[in-house]
Amino acid sequence: MSSEALHVTKVYRNLLRAVKKHIGNEENKRHFREYVTEEFRKKSISTDLSSNQHRIKLAQDYTFLLNSVHHHKDLLFSYNIAVDRSDEMRRILGKSAASVGLQLPEVYQP
């Protein structure tokens, strides 16, 4: 295989992984995966190399977009101050204290 074919295969594999991970693999979302597969199997009518490179670049950009949007969403959930995170913080502090051999005291709840 040529280096160009290996590059296309890598882009295709990364895009399918991102679609499976972030969009899902359920039956009602199957059309996303089928569309990606169809687009990569489609033979370009024009033999213009720049259009094929453009399509590969679009696939890379969409993979990056999918991964970035879901990473951003995870960050927003982790920094969300509107959600009561006291239980999560108590658990994290308890684990930190246990790592140095201490135990947090129980807090009185009236």
PDB file of N, CA and C in Angstrom:
ATOM      1  N   MET A   1       0.836  -1.191   0.000  1.00  0.00           N
ATOM      2  CA  MET A   1       0.000   0.000   0.000  1.00  0.00           C
ATOM      3  C   MET A   1       0.875   1.246   0.000  1.00  0.00           C
ATOM      4  N   SER A   2       0.426   2.237  -0.662  1.00  0.00           N
ATOM      5  CA  SER A   2       1.193   3.480  -0.706  1.00  0.00           C
ATOM      6  C   SER A   2       0.967   4.274   0.580  1.00  0.00           C
ATOM      7  N   SER A   3       1.785   5.254   0.770  1.00  0.00           N
ATOM      8  CA  SER A   3       1.654   6.072   1.975  1.00  0.00           C
ATOM      9  C   SER A   3       0.347   6.859   1.961  1.00  0.00           C
ATOM     10  N   GLU A   4      -0.112   7.240   0.758  1.00  0.00           N
ATOM     11  CA  GLU A   4      -1.385   7.962   0.646  1.00  0.00           C
ATOM     12  C   GLU A   4      -2.549   7.066   1.072  1.00  0.00           C
ATOM     13  N   ALA A   5      -2.511   5.808   0.657  1.00  0.00           N
ATOM     14  CA  ALA A   5      -3.577   4.870   1.022  1.00  0.00           C
ATOM     15  C   ALA A   5      -3.559   4.592   2.526  1.00  0.00           C
ATOM     16  N   LEU A   6      -2.389   4.500   3.107  1.00  0.00           N
ATOM     17  CA  LEU A   6      -2.297   4.303   4.557  1.00  0.00           C
ATOM     18  C   LEU A   6      -2.850   5.509   5.310  1.00  0.00           C
ATOM     19  N   HIS A   7      -2.570   6.693   4.796  1.00  0.00           N
ATOM     20  CA  HIS A   7      -3.076   7.911   5.426  1.00  0.00           C
ATOM     21  C   HIS A   7      -4.606   7.962   5.362  1.00  0.00           C
ATOM     22  N   VAL A   8      -5.160   7.608   4.213  1.00  0.00           N
ATOM     23  CA  VAL A   8      -6.620   7.598   4.053  1.00  0.00           C
ATOM     24  C   VAL A   8      -7.243   6.569   4.990  1.00  0.00           C
ATOM     25  N   THR A   9      -6.626   5.405   5.105  1.00  0.00           N
ATOM     26  CA  THR A   9      -7.131   4.359   5.996  1.00  0.00           C
ATOM     27  C   THR A   9      -7.110   4.828   7.447  1.00  0.00           C
ATOM     28  N   LYS A  10      -6.052   5.503   7.832  1.00  0.00           N
ATOM     29  CA  LYS A  10      -5.950   6.008   9.207  1.00  0.00           C
ATOM     30  C   LYS A  10      -7.028   7.055   9.492  1.00  0.00           C
ATOM     31  N   VAL A  11      -7.251   7.962   8.544  1.00  0.00           N
ATOM     32  CA  VAL A  11      -8.280   8.990   8.707  1.00  0.00           C
ATOM     33  C   VAL A  11      -9.654   8.336   8.813  1.00  0.00           C
ATOM     34  N   TYR A  12      -9.915   7.367   7.955  1.00  0.00           N
ATOM     35  CA  TYR A  12     -11.191   6.651   7.954  1.00  0.00           C
ATOM     36  C   TYR A  12     -11.418   5.935   9.285  1.00  0.00           C
ATOM     37  N   ARG A  13     -10.402   5.245   9.771  1.00  0.00           N
ATOM     38  CA  ARG A  13     -10.515   4.512  11.035  1.00  0.00           C
ATOM     39  C   ARG A  13     -10.754   5.460  12.204  1.00  0.00           C
ATOM     40  N   ASN A  14     -10.042   6.589  12.234  1.00  0.00           N
ATOM     41  CA  ASN A  14     -10.229   7.563  13.310  1.00  0.00           C
ATOM     42  C   ASN A  14     -11.627   8.167  13.284  1.00  0.00           C
ATOM     43  N   LEU A  15     -12.135   8.449  12.084  1.00  0.00           N
ATOM     44  CA  LEU A  15     -13.486   9.007  11.966  1.00  0.00           C
ATOM     45  C   LEU A  15     -14.532   8.004  12.426  1.00  0.00           C
ATOM     46  N   LEU A  16     -14.380   6.738  12.045  1.00  0.00           N
ATOM     47  CA  LEU A  16     -15.344   5.725  12.494  1.00  0.00           C
ATOM     48  C   LEU A  16     -15.303   5.542  14.010  1.00  0.00           C
ATOM     49  N   ARG A  17     -14.118   5.606  14.598  1.00  0.00           N
ATOM     50  CA  ARG A  17     -14.012   5.507  16.057  1.00  0.00           C
ATOM     51  C   ARG A  17     -14.725   6.675  16.747  1.00  0.00           C
ATOM     52  N   ALA A  18     -14.524   7.882  16.218  1.00  0.00           N
ATOM     53  CA  ALA A  18     -15.152   9.060  16.813  1.00  0.00           C
ATOM     54  C   ALA A  18     -16.677   8.979  16.681  1.00  0.00           C
ATOM     55  N   VAL A  19     -17.156   8.547  15.533  1.00  0.00           N
ATOM     56  CA  VAL A  19     -18.606   8.414  15.340  1.00  0.00           C
ATOM     57  C   VAL A  19     -19.164   7.373  16.298  1.00  0.00           C
ATOM     58  N   LYS A  20     -18.488   6.250  16.427  1.00  0.00           N
ATOM     59  CA  LYS A  20     -18.964   5.187  17.324  1.00  0.00           C
ATOM     60  C   LYS A  20     -18.946   5.645  18.778  1.00  0.00           C
ATOM     61  N   LYS A  21     -17.899   6.334  19.178  1.00  0.00           N
ATOM     62  CA  LYS A  21     -17.749   6.753  20.572  1.00  0.00           C
ATOM     63  C   LYS A  21     -18.693   7.888  20.952  1.00  0.00           C
ATOM     64  N   HIS A  22     -18.823   8.895  20.091  1.00  0.00           N
ATOM     65  CA  HIS A  22     -19.543  10.099  20.466  1.00  0.00           C
ATOM     66  C   HIS A  22     -20.976  10.155  19.962  1.00  0.00           C
ATOM     67  N   ILE A  23     -21.252   9.527  18.849  1.00  0.00           N
ATOM     68  CA  ILE A  23     -22.619   9.537  18.339  1.00  0.00           C
ATOM     69  C   ILE A  23     -23.350   8.287  18.773  1.00  0.00           C
ATOM     70  N   GLY A  24     -22.691   7.161  18.719  1.00  0.00           N
ATOM     71  CA  GLY A  24     -23.292   5.922  19.187  1.00  0.00           C
ATOM     72  C   GLY A  24     -23.370   4.890  18.093  1.00  0.00           C
ATOM     73  N   ASN A  25     -23.714   3.696  18.509  1.00  0.00           N
ATOM     74  CA  ASN A  25     -23.769   2.581  17.584  1.00  0.00           C
ATOM     75  C   ASN A  25     -25.168   1.973  17.554  1.00  0.00           C
ATOM     76  N   GLU A  26     -26.151   2.679  18.121  1.00  0.00           N
ATOM     77  CA  GLU A  26     -27.502   2.156  18.171  1.00  0.00           C
ATOM     78  C   GLU A  26     -28.106   2.106  16.769  1.00  0.00           C
ATOM     79  N   GLU A  27     -29.177   1.362  16.649  1.00  0.00           N
ATOM     80  CA  GLU A  27     -29.826   1.178  15.349  1.00  0.00           C
ATOM     81  C   GLU A  27     -30.362   2.488  14.784  1.00  0.00           C
ATOM     82  N   ASN A  28     -30.914   3.363  15.642  1.00  0.00           N
ATOM     83  CA  ASN A  28     -31.480   4.617  15.142  1.00  0.00           C
ATOM     84  C   ASN A  28     -30.417   5.638  14.754  1.00  0.00           C
ATOM     85  N   LYS A  29     -29.152   5.395  15.083  1.00  0.00           N
ATOM     86  CA  LYS A  29     -28.056   6.305  14.727  1.00  0.00           C
ATOM     87  C   LYS A  29     -27.111   5.670  13.705  1.00  0.00           C
ATOM     88  N   ARG A  30     -27.531   4.582  13.142  1.00  0.00           N
ATOM     89  CA  ARG A  30     -26.693   3.831  12.223  1.00  0.00           C
ATOM     90  C   ARG A  30     -26.406   4.598  10.928  1.00  0.00           C
ATOM     91  N   HIS A  31     -27.300   5.488  10.550  1.00  0.00           N
ATOM     92  CA  HIS A  31     -27.128   6.213   9.299  1.00  0.00           C
ATOM     93  C   HIS A  31     -25.880   7.097   9.290  1.00  0.00           C
ATOM     94  N   PHE A  32     -25.408   7.549  10.456  1.00  0.00           N
ATOM     95  CA  PHE A  32     -24.171   8.335  10.516  1.00  0.00           C
ATOM     96  C   PHE A  32     -22.990   7.486  10.041  1.00  0.00           C
ATOM     97  N   ARG A  33     -22.900   6.307  10.602  1.00  0.00           N
ATOM     98  CA  ARG A  33     -21.807   5.400  10.241  1.00  0.00           C
ATOM     99  C   ARG A  33     -21.905   4.969   8.777  1.00  0.00           C
ATOM    100  N   GLU A  34     -23.112   4.695   8.319  1.00  0.00           N
ATOM    101  CA  GLU A  34     -23.299   4.292   6.927  1.00  0.00           C
ATOM    102  C   GLU A  34     -22.907   5.417   5.973  1.00  0.00           C
ATOM    103  N   TYR A  35     -23.214   6.655   6.335  1.00  0.00           N
ATOM    104  CA  TYR A  35     -22.855   7.793   5.493  1.00  0.00           C
ATOM    105  C   TYR A  35     -21.339   7.924   5.372  1.00  0.00           C
ATOM    106  N   VAL A  36     -20.648   7.786   6.494  1.00  0.00           N
ATOM    107  CA  VAL A  36     -19.190   7.880   6.477  1.00  0.00           C
ATOM    108  C   VAL A  36     -18.608   6.772   5.606  1.00  0.00           C
ATOM    109  N   THR A  37     -19.103   5.559   5.790  1.00  0.00           N
ATOM    110  CA  THR A  37     -18.613   4.439   4.992  1.00  0.00           C
ATOM    111  C   THR A  37     -18.872   4.659   3.510  1.00  0.00           C
ATOM    112  N   GLU A  38     -20.069   5.134   3.178  1.00  0.00           N
ATOM    113  CA  GLU A  38     -20.423   5.388   1.787  1.00  0.00           C
ATOM    114  C   GLU A  38     -19.524   6.453   1.160  1.00  0.00           C
ATOM    115  N   GLU A  39     -19.256   7.516   1.904  1.00  0.00           N
ATOM    116  CA  GLU A  39     -18.422   8.598   1.374  1.00  0.00           C
ATOM    117  C   GLU A  39     -16.982   8.142   1.131  1.00  0.00           C
ATOM    118  N   PHE A  40     -16.459   7.272   1.994  1.00  0.00           N
ATOM    119  CA  PHE A  40     -15.088   6.820   1.795  1.00  0.00           C
ATOM    120  C   PHE A  40     -14.987   5.779   0.681  1.00  0.00           C
ATOM    121  N   ARG A  41     -16.046   5.045   0.448  1.00  0.00           N
ATOM    122  CA  ARG A  41     -16.017   4.036  -0.617  1.00  0.00           C
ATOM    123  C   ARG A  41     -16.349   4.619  -1.980  1.00  0.00           C
ATOM    124  N   LYS A  42     -16.923   5.785  -1.990  1.00  0.00           N
ATOM    125  CA  LYS A  42     -17.313   6.420  -3.234  1.00  0.00           C
ATOM    126  C   LYS A  42     -16.071   6.736  -4.072  1.00  0.00           C
ATOM    127  N   LYS A  43     -16.119   6.334  -5.313  1.00  0.00           N
ATOM    128  CA  LYS A  43     -15.025   6.670  -6.227  1.00  0.00           C
ATOM    129  C   LYS A  43     -15.286   8.061  -6.765  1.00  0.00           C
ATOM    130  N   SER A  44     -14.294   8.883  -6.724  1.00  0.00           N
ATOM    131  CA  SER A  44     -14.431  10.239  -7.219  1.00  0.00           C
ATOM    132  C   SER A  44     -14.571  10.215  -8.737  1.00  0.00           C
ATOM    133  N   ILE A  45     -15.602  10.899  -9.247  1.00  0.00           N
ATOM    134  CA  ILE A  45     -15.812  10.959 -10.687  1.00  0.00           C
ATOM    135  C   ILE A  45     -14.658  11.696 -11.346  1.00  0.00           C
ATOM    136  N   SER A  46     -14.287  12.789 -10.747  1.00  0.00           N
ATOM    137  CA  SER A  46     -13.138  13.518 -11.291  1.00  0.00           C
ATOM    138  C   SER A  46     -11.864  12.908 -10.718  1.00  0.00           C
ATOM    139  N   THR A  47     -10.854  12.906 -11.489  1.00  0.00           N
ATOM    140  CA  THR A  47      -9.580  12.360 -11.024  1.00  0.00           C
ATOM    141  C   THR A  47      -8.714  13.448 -10.414  1.00  0.00           C
ATOM    142  N   ASP A  48      -9.348  14.523 -10.040  1.00  0.00           N
ATOM    143  CA  ASP A  48      -8.645  15.661  -9.462  1.00  0.00           C
ATOM    144  C   ASP A  48      -8.123  15.289  -8.079  1.00  0.00           C
ATOM    145  N   LEU A  49      -6.838  15.302  -7.920  1.00  0.00           N
ATOM    146  CA  LEU A  49      -6.204  14.929  -6.658  1.00  0.00           C
ATOM    147  C   LEU A  49      -6.530  15.910  -5.545  1.00  0.00           C
ATOM    148  N   SER A  50      -6.676  17.189  -5.892  1.00  0.00           N
ATOM    149  CA  SER A  50      -6.949  18.193  -4.861  1.00  0.00           C
ATOM    150  C   SER A  50      -8.327  17.995  -4.239  1.00  0.00           C
ATOM    151  N   SER A  51      -9.320  17.520  -5.011  1.00  0.00           N
ATOM    152  CA  SER A  51     -10.646  17.296  -4.426  1.00  0.00           C
ATOM    153  C   SER A  51     -10.621  16.127  -3.454  1.00  0.00           C
ATOM    154  N   ASN A  52      -9.838  15.089  -3.767  1.00  0.00           N
ATOM    155  CA  ASN A  52      -9.707  13.969  -2.832  1.00  0.00           C
ATOM    156  C   ASN A  52      -8.997  14.407  -1.558  1.00  0.00           C
ATOM    157  N   GLN A  53      -7.972  15.220  -1.698  1.00  0.00           N
ATOM    158  CA  GLN A  53      -7.271  15.727  -0.522  1.00  0.00           C
ATOM    159  C   GLN A  53      -8.189  16.617   0.313  1.00  0.00           C
ATOM    160  N   HIS A  54      -9.042  17.360  -0.374  1.00  0.00           N
ATOM    161  CA  HIS A  54     -10.007  18.214   0.327  1.00  0.00           C
ATOM    162  C   HIS A  54     -10.988  17.357   1.136  1.00  0.00           C
ATOM    163  N   ARG A  55     -11.451  16.261   0.552  1.00  0.00           N
ATOM    164  CA  ARG A  55     -12.377  15.370   1.262  1.00  0.00           C
ATOM    165  C   ARG A  55     -11.705  14.724   2.475  1.00  0.00           C
ATOM    166  N   ILE A  56     -10.440  14.341   2.347  1.00  0.00           N
ATOM    167  CA  ILE A  56      -9.699  13.757   3.471  1.00  0.00           C
ATOM    168  C   ILE A  56      -9.516  14.797   4.567  1.00  0.00           C
ATOM    169  N   LYS A  57      -9.220  16.030   4.174  1.00  0.00           N
ATOM    170  CA  LYS A  57      -9.063  17.111   5.157  1.00  0.00           C
ATOM    171  C   LYS A  57     -10.379  17.361   5.886  1.00  0.00           C
ATOM    172  N   LEU A  58     -11.493  17.320   5.163  1.00  0.00           N
ATOM    173  CA  LEU A  58     -12.802  17.483   5.803  1.00  0.00           C
ATOM    174  C   LEU A  58     -13.075  16.359   6.806  1.00  0.00           C
ATOM    175  N   ALA A  59     -12.697  15.152   6.455  1.00  0.00           N
ATOM    176  CA  ALA A  59     -12.890  14.018   7.364  1.00  0.00           C
ATOM    177  C   ALA A  59     -12.049  14.199   8.627  1.00  0.00           C
ATOM    178  N   GLN A  60     -10.818  14.650   8.477  1.00  0.00           N
ATOM    179  CA  GLN A  60      -9.958  14.908   9.638  1.00  0.00           C
ATOM    180  C   GLN A  60     -10.548  16.006  10.511  1.00  0.00           C
ATOM    181  N   ASP A  61     -11.020  17.068   9.874  1.00  0.00           N
ATOM    182  CA  ASP A  61     -11.595  18.182  10.630  1.00  0.00           C
ATOM    183  C   ASP A  61     -12.854  17.753  11.374  1.00  0.00           C
ATOM    184  N   TYR A  62     -13.688  16.929  10.744  1.00  0.00           N
ATOM    185  CA  TYR A  62     -14.908  16.478  11.408  1.00  0.00           C
ATOM    186  C   TYR A  62     -14.583  15.561  12.584  1.00  0.00           C
ATOM    187  N   THR A  63     -13.574  14.727  12.437  1.00  0.00           N
ATOM    188  CA  THR A  63     -13.133  13.880  13.552  1.00  0.00           C
ATOM    189  C   THR A  63     -12.663  14.742  14.718  1.00  0.00           C
ATOM    190  N   PHE A  64     -11.875  15.751  14.404  1.00  0.00           N
ATOM    191  CA  PHE A  64     -11.380  16.667  15.436  1.00  0.00           C
ATOM    192  C   PHE A  64     -12.537  17.402  16.105  1.00  0.00           C
ATOM    193  N   LEU A  65     -13.519  17.816  15.298  1.00  0.00           N
ATOM    194  CA  LEU A  65     -14.687  18.509  15.833  1.00  0.00           C
ATOM    195  C   LEU A  65     -15.468  17.612  16.789  1.00  0.00           C
ATOM    196  N   LEU A  66     -15.740  16.387  16.379  1.00  0.00           N
ATOM    197  CA  LEU A  66     -16.477  15.463  17.251  1.00  0.00           C
ATOM    198  C   LEU A  66     -15.763  15.264  18.578  1.00  0.00           C
ATOM    199  N   ASN A  67     -14.474  14.986  18.517  1.00  0.00           N
ATOM    200  CA  ASN A  67     -13.712  14.757  19.750  1.00  0.00           C
ATOM    201  C   ASN A  67     -13.661  16.013  20.618  1.00  0.00           C
ATOM    202  N   SER A  68     -13.486  17.164  20.000  1.00  0.00           N
ATOM    203  CA  SER A  68     -13.373  18.416  20.754  1.00  0.00           C
ATOM    204  C   SER A  68     -14.688  18.825  21.401  1.00  0.00           C
ATOM    205  N   VAL A  69     -15.784  18.675  20.681  1.00  0.00           N
ATOM    206  CA  VAL A  69     -17.086  19.049  21.237  1.00  0.00           C
ATOM    207  C   VAL A  69     -17.412  18.195  22.452  1.00  0.00           C
ATOM    208  N   HIS A  70     -17.148  16.910  22.368  1.00  0.00           N
ATOM    209  CA  HIS A  70     -17.472  16.055  23.515  1.00  0.00           C
ATOM    210  C   HIS A  70     -16.496  16.249  24.670  1.00  0.00           C
ATOM    211  N   HIS A  71     -15.255  16.578  24.375  1.00  0.00           N
ATOM    212  CA  HIS A  71     -14.320  16.906  25.452  1.00  0.00           C
ATOM    213  C   HIS A  71     -14.743  18.209  26.136  1.00  0.00           C
ATOM    214  N   HIS A  72     -15.168  19.177  25.349  1.00  0.00           N
ATOM    215  CA  HIS A  72     -15.640  20.450  25.891  1.00  0.00           C
ATOM    216  C   HIS A  72     -16.879  20.239  26.749  1.00  0.00           C
ATOM    217  N   LYS A  73     -17.779  19.396  26.295  1.00  0.00           N
ATOM    218  CA  LYS A  73     -18.989  19.089  27.060  1.00  0.00           C
ATOM    219  C   LYS A  73     -18.637  18.448  28.404  1.00  0.00           C
ATOM    220  N   ASP A  74     -17.681  17.533  28.399  1.00  0.00           N
ATOM    221  CA  ASP A  74     -17.242  16.914  29.649  1.00  0.00           C
ATOM    222  C   ASP A  74     -16.634  17.943  30.590  1.00  0.00           C
ATOM    223  N   LEU A  75     -15.853  18.866  30.044  1.00  0.00           N
ATOM    224  CA  LEU A  75     -15.273  19.921  30.879  1.00  0.00           C
ATOM    225  C   LEU A  75     -16.355  20.820  31.474  1.00  0.00           C
ATOM    226  N   LEU A  76     -17.350  21.167  30.670  1.00  0.00           N
ATOM    227  CA  LEU A  76     -18.432  22.003  31.182  1.00  0.00           C
ATOM    228  C   LEU A  76     -19.175  21.310  32.315  1.00  0.00           C
ATOM    229  N   PHE A  77     -19.434  20.030  32.178  1.00  0.00           N
ATOM    230  CA  PHE A  77     -20.099  19.299  33.254  1.00  0.00           C
ATOM    231  C   PHE A  77     -19.229  19.238  34.501  1.00  0.00           C
ATOM    232  N   SER A  78     -17.920  19.101  34.322  1.00  0.00           N
ATOM    233  CA  SER A  78     -17.056  19.000  35.498  1.00  0.00           C
ATOM    234  C   SER A  78     -16.889  20.344  36.212  1.00  0.00           C
ATOM    235  N   TYR A  79     -17.033  21.463  35.497  1.00  0.00           N
ATOM    236  CA  TYR A  79     -16.889  22.783  36.102  1.00  0.00           C
ATOM    237  C   TYR A  79     -18.218  23.453  36.437  1.00  0.00           C
ATOM    238  N   ASN A  80     -19.309  22.763  36.186  1.00  0.00           N
ATOM    239  CA  ASN A  80     -20.628  23.364  36.379  1.00  0.00           C
ATOM    240  C   ASN A  80     -20.858  23.662  37.858  1.00  0.00           C
ATOM    241  N   ILE A  81     -21.034  24.933  38.199  1.00  0.00           N
ATOM    242  CA  ILE A  81     -21.233  25.304  39.596  1.00  0.00           C
ATOM    243  C   ILE A  81     -22.708  25.260  39.980  1.00  0.00           C
ATOM    244  N   ALA A  82     -23.597  25.095  38.999  1.00  0.00           N
ATOM    245  CA  ALA A  82     -25.028  25.038  39.300  1.00  0.00           C
ATOM    246  C   ALA A  82     -25.425  23.686  39.870  1.00  0.00           C
ATOM    247  N   VAL A  83     -24.612  22.680  39.641  1.00  0.00           N
ATOM    248  CA  VAL A  83     -24.900  21.337  40.133  1.00  0.00           C
ATOM    249  C   VAL A  83     -24.300  21.186  41.522  1.00  0.00           C
ATOM    250  N   ASP A  84     -25.053  20.572  42.430  1.00  0.00           N
ATOM    251  CA  ASP A  84     -24.553  20.342  43.779  1.00  0.00           C
ATOM    252  C   ASP A  84     -23.475  19.264  43.730  1.00  0.00           C
ATOM    253  N   ARG A  85     -22.259  19.673  43.969  1.00  0.00           N
ATOM    254  CA  ARG A  85     -21.137  18.746  43.889  1.00  0.00           C
ATOM    255  C   ARG A  85     -20.550  18.448  45.257  1.00  0.00           C
ATOM    256  N   SER A  86     -21.301  18.702  46.317  1.00  0.00           N
ATOM    257  CA  SER A  86     -20.744  18.499  47.654  1.00  0.00           C
ATOM    258  C   SER A  86     -20.432  17.027  47.916  1.00  0.00           C
ATOM    259  N   ASP A  87     -21.269  16.109  47.442  1.00  0.00           N
ATOM    260  CA  ASP A  87     -20.989  14.684  47.640  1.00  0.00           C
ATOM    261  C   ASP A  87     -19.730  14.262  46.896  1.00  0.00           C
ATOM    262  N   GLU A  88     -19.584  14.770  45.683  1.00  0.00           N
ATOM    263  CA  GLU A  88     -18.394  14.442  44.901  1.00  0.00           C
ATOM    264  C   GLU A  88     -17.146  15.000  45.569  1.00  0.00           C
ATOM    265  N   MET A  89     -17.227  16.233  46.059  1.00  0.00           N
ATOM    266  CA  MET A  89     -16.070  16.835  46.724  1.00  0.00           C
ATOM    267  C   MET A  89     -15.739  16.103  48.024  1.00  0.00           C
ATOM    268  N   ARG A  90     -16.758  15.683  48.756  1.00  0.00           N
ATOM    269  CA  ARG A  90     -16.539  14.932  49.996  1.00  0.00           C
ATOM    270  C   ARG A  90     -15.824  13.612  49.697  1.00  0.00           C
ATOM    271  N   ARG A  91     -16.224  12.956  48.620  1.00  0.00           N
ATOM    272  CA  ARG A  91     -15.595  11.699  48.226  1.00  0.00           C
ATOM    273  C   ARG A  91     -14.133  11.936  47.820  1.00  0.00           C
ATOM    274  N   ILE A  92     -13.866  12.998  47.069  1.00  0.00           N
ATOM    275  CA  ILE A  92     -12.504  13.310  46.632  1.00  0.00           C
ATOM    276  C   ILE A  92     -11.626  13.655  47.833  1.00  0.00           C
ATOM    277  N   LEU A  93     -12.165  14.457  48.764  1.00  0.00           N
ATOM    278  CA  LEU A  93     -11.395  14.798  49.965  1.00  0.00           C
ATOM    279  C   LEU A  93     -11.133  13.576  50.829  1.00  0.00           C
ATOM    280  N   GLY A  94     -12.115  12.693  50.915  1.00  0.00           N
ATOM    281  CA  GLY A  94     -11.939  11.457  51.680  1.00  0.00           C
ATOM    282  C   GLY A  94     -10.851  10.580  51.082  1.00  0.00           C
ATOM    283  N   LYS A  95     -10.810  10.485  49.760  1.00  0.00           N
ATOM    284  CA  LYS A  95      -9.765   9.700  49.108  1.00  0.00           C
ATOM    285  C   LYS A  95      -8.402  10.338  49.299  1.00  0.00           C
ATOM    286  N   SER A  96      -8.353  11.663  49.250  1.00  0.00           N
ATOM    287  CA  SER A  96      -7.082  12.358  49.451  1.00  0.00           C
ATOM    288  C   SER A  96      -6.580  12.160  50.881  1.00  0.00           C
ATOM    289  N   ALA A  97      -7.479  12.266  51.832  1.00  0.00           N
ATOM    290  CA  ALA A  97      -7.083  12.066  53.231  1.00  0.00           C
ATOM    291  C   ALA A  97      -6.649  10.622  53.465  1.00  0.00           C
ATOM    292  N   ALA A  98      -7.356   9.666  52.866  1.00  0.00           N
ATOM    293  CA  ALA A  98      -7.004   8.260  53.048  1.00  0.00           C
ATOM    294  C   ALA A  98      -5.647   7.942  52.433  1.00  0.00           C
ATOM    295  N   SER A  99      -5.263   8.664  51.399  1.00  0.00           N
ATOM    296  CA  SER A  99      -3.974   8.386  50.756  1.00  0.00           C
ATOM    297  C   SER A  99      -2.796   8.720  51.667  1.00  0.00           C
ATOM    298  N   VAL A 100      -2.997   9.592  52.651  1.00  0.00           N
ATOM    299  CA  VAL A 100      -1.925   9.907  53.598  1.00  0.00           C
ATOM    300  C   VAL A 100      -2.205   9.314  54.979  1.00  0.00           C
ATOM    301  N   GLY A 101      -3.186   8.429  55.063  1.00  0.00           N
ATOM    302  CA  GLY A 101      -3.453   7.721  56.310  1.00  0.00           C
ATOM    303  C   GLY A 101      -4.379   8.435  57.272  1.00  0.00           C
ATOM    304  N   LEU A 102      -5.126   9.415  56.832  1.00  0.00           N
ATOM    305  CA  LEU A 102      -6.051  10.134  57.690  1.00  0.00           C
ATOM    306  C   LEU A 102      -7.492   9.757  57.331  1.00  0.00           C
ATOM    307  N   GLN A 103      -8.397  10.113  58.248  1.00  0.00           N
ATOM    308  CA  GLN A 103      -9.811   9.867  57.991  1.00  0.00           C
ATOM    309  C   GLN A 103     -10.559  11.138  58.347  1.00  0.00           C
ATOM    310  N   LEU A 104     -11.433  11.594  57.437  1.00  0.00           N
ATOM    311  CA  LEU A 104     -12.208  12.796  57.693  1.00  0.00           C
ATOM    312  C   LEU A 104     -13.268  12.510  58.742  1.00  0.00           C
ATOM    313  N   PRO A 105     -13.525  13.478  59.627  1.00  0.00           N
ATOM    314  CA  PRO A 105     -14.574  13.263  60.637  1.00  0.00           C
ATOM    315  C   PRO A 105     -15.944  13.341  59.975  1.00  0.00           C
ATOM    316  N   GLU A 106     -16.893  12.635  60.585  1.00  0.00           N
ATOM    317  CA  GLU A 106     -18.281  12.698  60.106  1.00  0.00           C
ATOM    318  C   GLU A 106     -18.856  14.053  60.481  1.00  0.00           C
ATOM    319  N   VAL A 107     -19.554  14.688  59.549  1.00  0.00           N
ATOM    320  CA  VAL A 107     -20.142  16.001  59.769  1.00  0.00           C
ATOM    321  C   VAL A 107     -21.557  15.787  60.326  1.00  0.00           C
ATOM    322  N   TYR A 108     -21.862  16.554  61.359  1.00  0.00           N
ATOM    323  CA  TYR A 108     -23.176  16.460  61.978  1.00  0.00           C
ATOM    324  C   TYR A 108     -24.254  17.003  61.046  1.00  0.00           C
ATOM    325  N   GLN A 109     -25.289  16.205  60.794  1.00  0.00           N
ATOM    326  CA  GLN A 109     -26.419  16.621  59.957  1.00  0.00           C
ATOM    327  C   GLN A 109     -27.670  16.695  60.838  1.00  0.00           C
ATOM    328  N   PRO A 110     -28.181  17.924  61.133  1.00  0.00           N
ATOM    329  CA  PRO A 110     -29.359  18.021  62.008  1.00  0.00           C
ATOM    330  C   PRO A 110     -30.616  17.510  61.332  1.00  0.00           C
TER     331      PRO A 110
END
